[in-house]
């Protein structure tokens, strides 16, 4: 049975307290299990330490990526945007609700704008997976959806590209299913003022910003694979 879900617009003191409690309860548990399992390394973490609100985007190729980004942004709180179906799931729906995930309706995806605006208004980071769906193991991200860049231009906040790089281990010769090493590279923030042109619709600026973020992530992944 699916649980009911309402978009996040205002966060009550109870919801905020529940989210903070969830963070302090789940983070240590996941830190002790997920980080060692994937040998996670983060480069450029300070770029997520900006004091102003911002939007982050990253390629989507492992189920536990939300925790990787959660860890990279720490101690800042980062709010995730996901398909509304994830909010209604019997297994993980309650966890997503507790942690304040913003659900995207399939029929009206841009209606999440009010929830994104509310989170940014609280000075939070908001994360999008611009490919829309998970592409497990894929290291050639493409087809970024414009939504994250559009909200960055609309609400005048930086868009921060994060590249997720999956690296092979020696054990993969014998056990190819073994989890890869994961490296996150936090790129330089893309600022809306560098893409918005006078007299032009913001959607065109968002399209350029979106393509720039996609190109940066693709180039970063390719460059690090050549080094490996």
Protein backbone atom coordinates (compact mmCIF):
# COMPACT_ATOMS: atom_id res chain seq x y z
CA UNK A 1 0.00 0.00 0.00
CA UNK A 2 1.39 3.38 -1.00
CA UNK A 3 1.63 6.07 1.64
CA UNK A 4 0.18 9.55 0.95
CA UNK A 5 2.63 12.28 0.07
CA UNK A 6 2.50 16.06 0.02
CA UNK A 7 5.12 18.33 -1.56
CA UNK A 8 7.40 20.12 0.88
CA UNK A 9 6.53 23.82 1.09
CA UNK A 10 6.74 24.71 4.76
CA UNK A 11 8.65 22.68 7.30
CA UNK A 12 7.08 22.55 10.73
CA UNK A 13 9.26 22.47 13.89
CA UNK A 14 8.24 18.83 14.30
CA UNK A 15 9.34 17.89 10.76
CA UNK A 16 12.60 19.77 11.19
CA UNK A 17 13.30 18.08 14.52
CA UNK A 18 12.49 14.68 13.00
CA UNK A 19 14.83 15.32 10.08
CA UNK A 20 17.70 16.41 12.35
CA UNK A 21 17.17 13.38 14.60
CA UNK A 22 17.16 11.13 11.54
CA UNK A 23 20.39 12.68 10.34
CA UNK A 24 22.21 12.09 13.64
CA UNK A 25 20.85 8.55 13.89
CA UNK A 26 21.43 7.31 10.35
CA UNK A 27 24.65 9.10 9.43
CA UNK A 28 27.02 7.24 11.85
CA UNK A 29 25.46 3.91 10.88
CA UNK A 30 25.90 4.53 7.17
CA UNK A 31 29.34 6.07 7.63
CA UNK A 32 30.64 2.88 9.23
CA UNK A 33 29.22 0.64 6.49
CA UNK A 34 28.98 2.51 3.17
CA UNK A 35 32.19 4.57 3.19
CA UNK A 36 34.56 1.60 3.72
CA UNK A 37 32.55 -0.59 1.33
CA UNK A 38 33.11 1.79 -1.59
CA UNK A 39 36.42 3.33 -0.37
CA UNK A 40 34.80 6.71 -0.99
CA UNK A 41 37.06 9.72 -1.56
CA UNK A 42 35.87 13.29 -2.05
CA UNK A 43 37.85 16.04 -3.78
CA UNK A 44 36.76 19.69 -3.73
CA UNK A 45 34.58 19.32 -0.65
CA UNK A 46 35.13 22.98 0.28
CA UNK A 47 33.11 24.02 -2.77
CA UNK A 48 30.03 22.67 -1.03
CA UNK A 49 30.81 24.80 2.01
CA UNK A 50 29.42 27.95 0.40
CA UNK A 51 27.24 29.82 2.86
CA UNK A 52 24.58 30.72 0.36
CA UNK A 53 22.01 28.23 -0.95
CA UNK A 54 22.83 26.27 -4.08
CA UNK A 55 21.82 23.43 -6.37
CA UNK A 56 24.03 20.40 -7.00
CA UNK A 57 23.89 17.90 -9.87
CA UNK A 58 25.67 14.57 -10.36
CA UNK A 59 25.63 11.56 -12.67
CA UNK A 60 23.50 8.70 -11.35
CA UNK A 61 25.06 5.22 -11.47
CA UNK A 62 24.92 3.67 -7.96
CA UNK A 63 21.94 3.18 -5.65
CA UNK A 64 23.64 4.65 -2.57
CA UNK A 65 24.75 7.91 -4.18
CA UNK A 66 22.47 9.96 -1.99
CA UNK A 67 24.68 8.99 0.97
CA UNK A 68 27.87 9.84 -0.93
CA UNK A 69 26.58 13.38 -1.49
CA UNK A 70 25.23 13.57 2.04
CA UNK A 71 28.72 12.73 3.30
CA UNK A 72 30.45 15.15 0.90
CA UNK A 73 28.27 18.10 1.94
CA UNK A 74 28.54 17.47 5.66
CA UNK A 75 28.09 19.37 7.98
CA UNK A 76 25.76 21.26 5.64
CA UNK A 77 22.35 19.71 5.11
CA UNK A 78 21.54 18.73 1.55
CA UNK A 79 18.00 18.06 0.39
CA UNK A 80 17.32 15.59 -2.40
CA UNK A 81 14.86 15.77 -5.27
CA UNK A 82 13.59 12.38 -6.47
CA UNK A 83 10.70 10.80 -8.34
CA UNK A 84 7.49 11.00 -6.37
CA UNK A 85 7.26 7.20 -6.52
CA UNK A 86 10.21 7.05 -4.11
CA UNK A 87 8.12 8.90 -1.53
CA UNK A 88 5.32 6.37 -1.77
CA UNK A 89 7.41 3.22 -1.54
CA UNK A 90 6.55 0.88 1.31
CA UNK A 91 10.20 0.10 2.07
CA UNK A 92 11.97 3.49 1.80
CA UNK A 93 9.07 5.95 1.67
CA UNK A 94 9.10 6.74 5.38
CA UNK A 95 12.86 7.28 5.40
CA UNK A 96 12.58 9.70 2.46
CA UNK A 97 9.76 11.53 4.23
CA UNK A 98 11.74 11.82 7.47
CA UNK A 99 14.79 13.15 5.63
CA UNK A 100 12.77 15.76 3.73
CA UNK A 101 13.20 14.45 0.18
CA UNK A 102 11.27 16.47 -2.42
CA UNK A 103 9.16 14.28 -4.71
CA UNK A 104 8.72 15.07 -8.42
CA UNK A 105 5.21 14.32 -9.76
CA UNK A 106 5.36 12.41 -13.05
CA UNK A 107 2.60 14.46 -14.66
CA UNK A 108 3.72 17.92 -13.40
CA UNK A 109 7.48 17.83 -12.74
CA UNK A 110 8.00 21.60 -12.61
CA UNK A 111 5.55 21.97 -9.72
CA UNK A 112 8.41 21.08 -7.38
CA UNK A 113 9.51 24.71 -7.82
CA UNK A 114 7.73 25.84 -4.65
CA UNK A 115 9.42 23.13 -2.58
CA UNK A 116 12.84 23.87 -4.11
CA UNK A 117 12.35 27.58 -3.45
CA UNK A 118 11.38 26.90 0.17
CA UNK A 119 14.52 24.78 0.74
CA UNK A 120 16.78 27.37 -0.91
CA UNK A 121 15.10 30.05 1.20
CA UNK A 122 16.35 28.21 4.28
CA UNK A 123 19.88 28.37 2.90
CA UNK A 124 20.04 24.67 2.04
CA UNK A 125 21.68 22.81 -0.80
CA UNK A 126 19.25 21.00 -3.11
CA UNK A 127 20.43 18.02 -5.13
CA UNK A 128 19.13 16.80 -8.51
CA UNK A 129 20.10 13.75 -10.56
CA UNK A 130 19.73 15.43 -13.98
CA UNK A 131 19.73 12.16 -15.93
CA UNK A 132 16.41 11.41 -14.28
CA UNK A 133 16.92 7.67 -13.90
CA UNK A 134 19.77 5.56 -12.57
CA UNK A 135 22.18 4.14 -15.17
CA UNK A 136 24.08 1.60 -13.10
CA UNK A 137 27.81 1.58 -13.76
CA UNK A 138 27.54 4.09 -16.58
CA UNK A 139 30.55 6.42 -16.89
CA UNK A 140 29.30 8.30 -19.94
CA UNK A 141 26.52 10.51 -18.53
CA UNK A 142 24.33 12.31 -21.05
CA UNK A 143 20.88 13.69 -21.65
CA UNK A 144 20.72 15.98 -18.62
CA UNK A 145 17.23 17.31 -17.93
CA UNK A 146 17.12 21.12 -17.71
CA UNK A 147 15.20 21.33 -14.40
CA UNK A 148 18.12 21.87 -12.01
CA UNK A 149 19.71 24.57 -14.20
CA UNK A 150 16.32 26.22 -14.69
CA UNK A 151 15.77 26.55 -10.94
CA UNK A 152 19.34 27.82 -10.50
CA UNK A 153 18.66 30.62 -13.00
CA UNK A 154 15.14 31.28 -11.72
CA UNK A 155 16.19 31.61 -8.07
CA UNK A 156 19.66 33.03 -8.79
CA UNK A 157 21.72 30.39 -6.98
CA UNK A 158 24.89 28.60 -8.14
CA UNK A 159 24.77 25.22 -9.85
CA UNK A 160 27.53 22.92 -8.59
CA UNK A 161 28.48 19.93 -10.79
CA UNK A 162 29.69 16.79 -9.01
CA UNK A 163 31.35 13.99 -10.97
CA UNK A 164 31.02 10.43 -9.69
CA UNK A 165 33.92 8.28 -10.87
CA UNK A 166 33.82 4.50 -10.53
CA UNK A 167 37.30 2.94 -10.34
CA UNK A 168 38.19 -0.70 -10.75
CA UNK A 169 39.90 -2.79 -8.08
CA UNK A 170 42.33 -5.70 -8.64
CA UNK A 171 39.69 -8.08 -7.27
CA UNK A 172 37.43 -7.29 -10.24
CA UNK A 173 39.49 -9.72 -12.34
CA UNK A 174 38.01 -12.54 -10.29
CA UNK A 175 34.85 -10.99 -8.81
CA UNK A 176 33.46 -8.49 -11.34
CA UNK A 177 30.39 -7.88 -9.16
CA UNK A 178 32.50 -6.52 -6.30
CA UNK A 179 31.71 -2.81 -5.61
CA UNK A 180 34.03 -0.29 -7.30
CA UNK A 181 36.05 2.37 -5.56
CA UNK A 182 34.16 5.66 -5.76
CA UNK A 183 35.58 9.13 -6.11
CA UNK A 184 33.53 12.32 -6.08
CA UNK A 185 34.96 15.44 -7.69
CA UNK A 186 33.14 18.63 -6.71
CA UNK A 187 33.55 21.14 -9.54
CA UNK A 188 33.58 24.91 -9.57
CA UNK A 189 30.17 26.52 -9.13
CA UNK A 190 28.39 27.76 -12.24
CA UNK A 191 26.80 31.16 -11.54
CA UNK A 192 23.62 32.25 -13.33
CA UNK A 193 24.98 35.73 -14.13
CA UNK A 194 27.55 34.12 -16.42
CA UNK A 195 24.83 32.54 -18.54
CA UNK A 196 21.93 35.02 -18.47
CA UNK A 197 21.93 37.54 -21.31
CA UNK A 198 19.93 40.75 -21.34
CA UNK A 199 16.68 40.53 -23.26
CA UNK A 200 16.85 36.75 -23.52
CA UNK A 201 14.54 34.23 -21.89
CA UNK A 202 15.98 32.49 -18.85
CA UNK A 203 15.25 29.10 -20.37
CA UNK A 204 18.00 29.66 -22.95
CA UNK A 205 20.43 30.59 -20.19
CA UNK A 206 19.39 27.49 -18.26
CA UNK A 207 19.96 25.34 -21.36
CA UNK A 208 23.52 26.67 -21.70
CA UNK A 209 24.17 26.17 -17.98
CA UNK A 210 22.74 22.65 -18.13
CA UNK A 211 24.95 21.72 -21.09
CA UNK A 212 27.99 23.22 -19.39
CA UNK A 213 27.40 21.13 -16.27
CA UNK A 214 26.95 17.99 -18.38
CA UNK A 215 30.15 18.68 -20.33
CA UNK A 216 32.16 19.34 -17.16
CA UNK A 217 31.03 16.08 -15.57
CA UNK A 218 31.75 14.10 -18.75
CA UNK A 219 35.22 15.63 -19.12
CA UNK A 220 36.09 15.09 -15.46
CA UNK A 221 35.13 11.41 -15.57
CA UNK A 222 37.04 10.86 -18.81
CA UNK A 223 40.14 12.61 -17.48
CA UNK A 224 40.29 10.57 -14.28
CA UNK A 225 39.76 7.28 -16.08
CA UNK A 226 42.74 8.04 -18.29
CA UNK A 227 44.87 8.56 -15.19
CA UNK A 228 43.71 5.37 -13.50
